[in-house]
Amino acid sequence: MQIEIEITGIRKDNGNHYNPHEAVAYYRWVDVNGKTGITDRTTVVGWLEWGINGTPVTAYVHRVNPLAYCDVKTSAAGTKFLQSRSDDTSSNNILNLPEC
């Protein structure tokens, strides 16, 4: 069994970042059961890396078909963040999601 969450929005901090993905401080999400939340970057990254109570977690962006799964990436400064996989549209780019 696996938990899937759709990333539906982002909240950026006010700092200047070389990598714009590092500016995302919170992700807004919804799971398949309709549960929603706005959770800090470190926690969401941990869910994808380690799971929740032993259950693996995947995240995706789905503004247009097909959906784009997200991977955990690490910046040169060591900051971990989510990045959506490239597809044929920029609509599924995590940085193009609305601010929450």
N, C-alpha and C. Protein backbone atom coordinates (compact mmCIF):
# COMPACT_ATOMS: atom_id res chain seq x y z
N MET A 1 0.84 -1.18 0.00
CA MET A 1 0.00 0.00 0.00
C MET A 1 0.88 1.24 0.00
N GLN A 2 0.36 2.29 -0.58
CA GLN A 2 1.11 3.52 -0.72
C GLN A 2 0.17 4.70 -0.53
N ILE A 3 0.67 5.79 0.03
CA ILE A 3 -0.09 7.02 0.17
C ILE A 3 0.32 7.95 -0.96
N GLU A 4 -0.67 8.51 -1.65
CA GLU A 4 -0.39 9.50 -2.69
C GLU A 4 -1.01 10.83 -2.29
N ILE A 5 -0.22 11.89 -2.45
CA ILE A 5 -0.74 13.23 -2.20
C ILE A 5 -0.55 14.07 -3.45
N GLU A 6 -1.55 14.89 -3.74
CA GLU A 6 -1.44 15.83 -4.84
C GLU A 6 -1.00 17.17 -4.25
N ILE A 7 0.06 17.73 -4.78
CA ILE A 7 0.52 19.06 -4.37
C ILE A 7 -0.31 20.06 -5.16
N THR A 8 -1.05 20.93 -4.43
CA THR A 8 -1.99 21.84 -5.09
C THR A 8 -1.60 23.31 -4.94
N GLY A 9 -0.60 23.61 -4.12
CA GLY A 9 -0.17 24.99 -3.95
C GLY A 9 1.15 25.04 -3.20
N ILE A 10 1.77 26.19 -3.23
CA ILE A 10 3.05 26.39 -2.55
C ILE A 10 3.02 27.73 -1.82
N ARG A 11 3.83 27.83 -0.80
CA ARG A 11 4.03 29.11 -0.10
C ARG A 11 5.53 29.33 -0.01
N LYS A 12 5.98 30.45 -0.57
CA LYS A 12 7.40 30.75 -0.59
C LYS A 12 7.77 31.64 0.59
N ASP A 13 9.02 31.49 1.05
CA ASP A 13 9.50 32.42 2.06
C ASP A 13 9.97 33.69 1.35
N ASN A 14 10.38 34.68 2.09
CA ASN A 14 10.75 35.96 1.51
C ASN A 14 12.23 36.11 1.21
N GLY A 15 13.00 35.04 1.39
CA GLY A 15 14.44 35.12 1.16
C GLY A 15 14.79 35.08 -0.32
N ASN A 16 16.00 35.49 -0.61
CA ASN A 16 16.51 35.38 -1.97
C ASN A 16 17.24 34.05 -2.08
N HIS A 17 16.90 33.30 -3.10
CA HIS A 17 17.47 31.97 -3.28
C HIS A 17 18.00 31.82 -4.70
N TYR A 18 19.17 31.22 -4.80
CA TYR A 18 19.72 30.91 -6.11
C TYR A 18 18.82 29.92 -6.84
N ASN A 19 18.32 28.94 -6.11
CA ASN A 19 17.43 27.93 -6.67
C ASN A 19 16.00 28.26 -6.21
N PRO A 20 15.07 28.57 -7.12
CA PRO A 20 13.71 28.95 -6.70
C PRO A 20 12.97 27.86 -5.94
N HIS A 21 13.34 26.60 -6.14
CA HIS A 21 12.70 25.52 -5.39
C HIS A 21 12.99 25.63 -3.89
N GLU A 22 14.15 26.20 -3.55
CA GLU A 22 14.51 26.39 -2.14
C GLU A 22 13.62 27.43 -1.47
N ALA A 23 13.00 28.31 -2.24
CA ALA A 23 12.15 29.36 -1.68
C ALA A 23 10.81 28.80 -1.19
N VAL A 24 10.45 27.60 -1.62
CA VAL A 24 9.18 27.01 -1.19
C VAL A 24 9.33 26.55 0.26
N ALA A 25 8.55 27.17 1.13
CA ALA A 25 8.61 26.84 2.56
C ALA A 25 7.52 25.86 2.96
N TYR A 26 6.37 25.89 2.24
CA TYR A 26 5.22 25.04 2.56
C TYR A 26 4.59 24.53 1.27
N TYR A 27 4.02 23.34 1.36
CA TYR A 27 3.25 22.76 0.26
C TYR A 27 1.81 22.55 0.73
N ARG A 28 0.85 22.94 -0.12
CA ARG A 28 -0.55 22.61 0.14
C ARG A 28 -0.82 21.30 -0.60
N TRP A 29 -1.55 20.40 0.05
CA TRP A 29 -1.74 19.06 -0.53
C TRP A 29 -3.14 18.54 -0.20
N VAL A 30 -3.53 17.52 -0.95
CA VAL A 30 -4.77 16.78 -0.71
C VAL A 30 -4.47 15.31 -0.97
N ASP A 31 -5.03 14.41 -0.13
CA ASP A 31 -4.83 12.98 -0.38
C ASP A 31 -6.08 12.39 -1.04
N VAL A 32 -6.03 11.11 -1.35
CA VAL A 32 -7.13 10.47 -2.07
C VAL A 32 -8.42 10.40 -1.25
N ASN A 33 -8.31 10.57 0.06
CA ASN A 33 -9.50 10.56 0.93
C ASN A 33 -10.08 11.96 1.14
N GLY A 34 -9.46 12.96 0.50
CA GLY A 34 -9.95 14.32 0.62
C GLY A 34 -9.35 15.10 1.77
N LYS A 35 -8.46 14.47 2.55
CA LYS A 35 -7.79 15.19 3.63
C LYS A 35 -6.84 16.21 3.01
N THR A 36 -6.82 17.42 3.58
CA THR A 36 -5.97 18.48 3.04
C THR A 36 -5.06 19.02 4.14
N GLY A 37 -4.04 19.72 3.71
CA GLY A 37 -3.16 20.35 4.67
C GLY A 37 -2.19 21.28 3.98
N ILE A 38 -1.56 22.11 4.78
CA ILE A 38 -0.44 22.94 4.35
C ILE A 38 0.69 22.59 5.30
N THR A 39 1.74 21.99 4.74
CA THR A 39 2.79 21.39 5.56
C THR A 39 4.15 21.92 5.12
N ASP A 40 5.03 22.11 6.09
CA ASP A 40 6.35 22.67 5.79
C ASP A 40 7.17 21.73 4.91
N ARG A 41 8.10 22.33 4.19
CA ARG A 41 8.93 21.61 3.22
C ARG A 41 9.65 20.42 3.84
N THR A 42 10.28 20.61 4.99
CA THR A 42 11.07 19.56 5.61
C THR A 42 10.20 18.33 5.92
N THR A 43 9.00 18.54 6.40
CA THR A 43 8.11 17.42 6.73
C THR A 43 7.68 16.68 5.48
N VAL A 44 7.28 17.41 4.43
CA VAL A 44 6.84 16.75 3.19
C VAL A 44 7.99 15.98 2.56
N VAL A 45 9.17 16.55 2.55
CA VAL A 45 10.35 15.83 2.04
C VAL A 45 10.55 14.55 2.84
N GLY A 46 10.43 14.63 4.15
CA GLY A 46 10.57 13.45 5.00
C GLY A 46 9.54 12.38 4.67
N TRP A 47 8.29 12.79 4.38
CA TRP A 47 7.27 11.81 4.00
C TRP A 47 7.71 11.04 2.77
N LEU A 48 8.24 11.76 1.75
CA LEU A 48 8.65 11.09 0.52
C LEU A 48 9.88 10.22 0.72
N GLU A 49 10.77 10.65 1.60
CA GLU A 49 11.99 9.88 1.82
C GLU A 49 11.77 8.68 2.74
N TRP A 50 10.96 8.85 3.78
CA TRP A 50 10.85 7.83 4.82
C TRP A 50 9.45 7.24 4.97
N GLY A 51 8.44 7.86 4.35
CA GLY A 51 7.08 7.37 4.49
C GLY A 51 6.42 7.91 5.75
N ILE A 52 5.18 7.49 5.95
CA ILE A 52 4.42 7.85 7.15
C ILE A 52 4.04 6.56 7.85
N ASN A 53 4.55 6.37 9.05
CA ASN A 53 4.29 5.14 9.82
C ASN A 53 4.59 3.88 9.00
N GLY A 54 5.69 3.94 8.26
CA GLY A 54 6.12 2.77 7.48
C GLY A 54 5.46 2.64 6.11
N THR A 55 4.53 3.53 5.77
CA THR A 55 3.85 3.47 4.48
C THR A 55 4.52 4.46 3.52
N PRO A 56 4.98 3.99 2.35
CA PRO A 56 5.61 4.89 1.38
C PRO A 56 4.66 5.99 0.92
N VAL A 57 5.20 7.16 0.63
CA VAL A 57 4.42 8.30 0.17
C VAL A 57 4.98 8.77 -1.17
N THR A 58 4.09 9.05 -2.11
CA THR A 58 4.46 9.70 -3.36
C THR A 58 3.65 10.98 -3.48
N ALA A 59 4.20 11.94 -4.22
CA ALA A 59 3.52 13.22 -4.45
C ALA A 59 3.51 13.50 -5.94
N TYR A 60 2.50 14.23 -6.36
CA TYR A 60 2.39 14.59 -7.77
C TYR A 60 1.70 15.93 -7.92
N VAL A 61 1.85 16.52 -9.11
CA VAL A 61 1.13 17.72 -9.52
C VAL A 61 0.24 17.30 -10.67
N HIS A 62 -1.04 17.72 -10.63
CA HIS A 62 -1.97 17.27 -11.67
C HIS A 62 -2.89 18.42 -12.08
N ARG A 63 -2.34 19.37 -12.76
CA ARG A 63 -3.16 20.47 -13.28
C ARG A 63 -3.68 20.13 -14.67
N VAL A 64 -2.91 19.35 -15.43
CA VAL A 64 -3.33 18.84 -16.74
C VAL A 64 -2.85 17.40 -16.84
N ASN A 65 -3.47 16.62 -17.73
CA ASN A 65 -3.05 15.23 -17.94
C ASN A 65 -1.84 15.18 -18.85
N PRO A 66 -0.96 14.24 -18.64
CA PRO A 66 -0.89 13.33 -17.50
C PRO A 66 -0.29 14.05 -16.30
N LEU A 67 -0.47 13.48 -15.14
CA LEU A 67 0.09 14.09 -13.92
C LEU A 67 1.61 13.97 -13.92
N ALA A 68 2.25 14.79 -13.11
CA ALA A 68 3.71 14.79 -13.01
C ALA A 68 4.10 14.43 -11.58
N TYR A 69 4.78 13.31 -11.42
CA TYR A 69 5.24 12.93 -10.08
C TYR A 69 6.38 13.84 -9.64
N CYS A 70 6.56 13.94 -8.33
CA CYS A 70 7.60 14.78 -7.75
C CYS A 70 8.71 13.92 -7.17
N ASP A 71 9.92 14.42 -7.27
CA ASP A 71 11.08 13.78 -6.69
C ASP A 71 11.69 14.71 -5.65
N VAL A 72 12.40 14.13 -4.69
CA VAL A 72 13.17 14.91 -3.73
C VAL A 72 14.52 15.20 -4.36
N LYS A 73 14.88 16.46 -4.38
CA LYS A 73 16.17 16.92 -4.90
C LYS A 73 16.91 17.63 -3.78
N THR A 74 18.22 17.77 -3.94
CA THR A 74 19.03 18.48 -2.96
C THR A 74 19.82 19.56 -3.67
N SER A 75 19.73 20.80 -3.18
CA SER A 75 20.46 21.91 -3.78
C SER A 75 21.94 21.83 -3.42
N ALA A 76 22.74 22.67 -4.06
CA ALA A 76 24.17 22.72 -3.77
C ALA A 76 24.41 23.12 -2.31
N ALA A 77 23.47 23.85 -1.73
CA ALA A 77 23.60 24.28 -0.33
C ALA A 77 23.13 23.20 0.65
N GLY A 78 22.60 22.09 0.11
CA GLY A 78 22.15 20.99 0.97
C GLY A 78 20.67 21.02 1.34
N THR A 79 19.92 21.98 0.79
CA THR A 79 18.50 22.07 1.07
C THR A 79 17.74 21.06 0.22
N LYS A 80 16.88 20.26 0.87
CA LYS A 80 16.06 19.30 0.15
C LYS A 80 14.71 19.93 -0.17
N PHE A 81 14.18 19.60 -1.36
CA PHE A 81 12.93 20.18 -1.83
C PHE A 81 12.28 19.22 -2.82
N LEU A 82 11.01 19.49 -3.16
CA LEU A 82 10.31 18.72 -4.18
C LEU A 82 10.47 19.39 -5.52
N GLN A 83 10.62 18.58 -6.56
CA GLN A 83 10.64 19.08 -7.93
C GLN A 83 9.81 18.13 -8.77
N SER A 84 8.87 18.69 -9.53
CA SER A 84 8.05 17.85 -10.39
C SER A 84 8.87 17.40 -11.59
N ARG A 85 8.59 16.20 -12.04
CA ARG A 85 9.30 15.66 -13.21
C ARG A 85 8.85 16.40 -14.46
N SER A 86 9.76 16.61 -15.37
CA SER A 86 9.45 17.32 -16.61
C SER A 86 8.44 16.54 -17.44
N ASP A 87 7.52 17.28 -18.02
CA ASP A 87 6.59 16.69 -18.98
C ASP A 87 6.40 17.68 -20.12
N ASP A 88 5.37 17.49 -20.92
CA ASP A 88 5.17 18.31 -22.11
C ASP A 88 4.54 19.67 -21.83
N THR A 89 4.26 19.99 -20.57
CA THR A 89 3.60 21.25 -20.25
C THR A 89 4.20 21.87 -19.00
N SER A 90 4.20 23.18 -18.94
CA SER A 90 4.67 23.85 -17.74
C SER A 90 3.58 23.92 -16.67
N SER A 91 2.34 23.55 -17.01
CA SER A 91 1.24 23.60 -16.05
C SER A 91 1.47 22.69 -14.86
N ASN A 92 2.19 21.59 -15.06
CA ASN A 92 2.47 20.65 -13.98
C ASN A 92 3.77 20.96 -13.25
N ASN A 93 4.36 22.11 -13.52
CA ASN A 93 5.57 22.52 -12.82
C ASN A 93 5.19 22.98 -11.42
N ILE A 94 5.81 22.41 -10.42
CA ILE A 94 5.46 22.74 -9.03
C ILE A 94 5.61 24.23 -8.74
N LEU A 95 6.54 24.90 -9.42
CA LEU A 95 6.73 26.33 -9.19
C LEU A 95 5.63 27.18 -9.81
N ASN A 96 4.82 26.60 -10.68
CA ASN A 96 3.71 27.31 -11.30
C ASN A 96 2.40 27.14 -10.56
N LEU A 97 2.42 26.43 -9.43
CA LEU A 97 1.21 26.26 -8.64
C LEU A 97 0.85 27.57 -7.95
N PRO A 98 -0.42 27.76 -7.61
CA PRO A 98 -0.82 29.00 -6.93
C PRO A 98 -0.23 29.08 -5.53
N GLU A 99 -0.01 30.31 -5.08
CA GLU A 99 0.45 30.56 -3.73
C GLU A 99 -0.68 30.27 -2.75
N CYS A 100 -0.35 29.70 -1.61
CA CYS A 100 -1.38 29.38 -0.61
C CYS A 100 -1.07 30.05 0.71
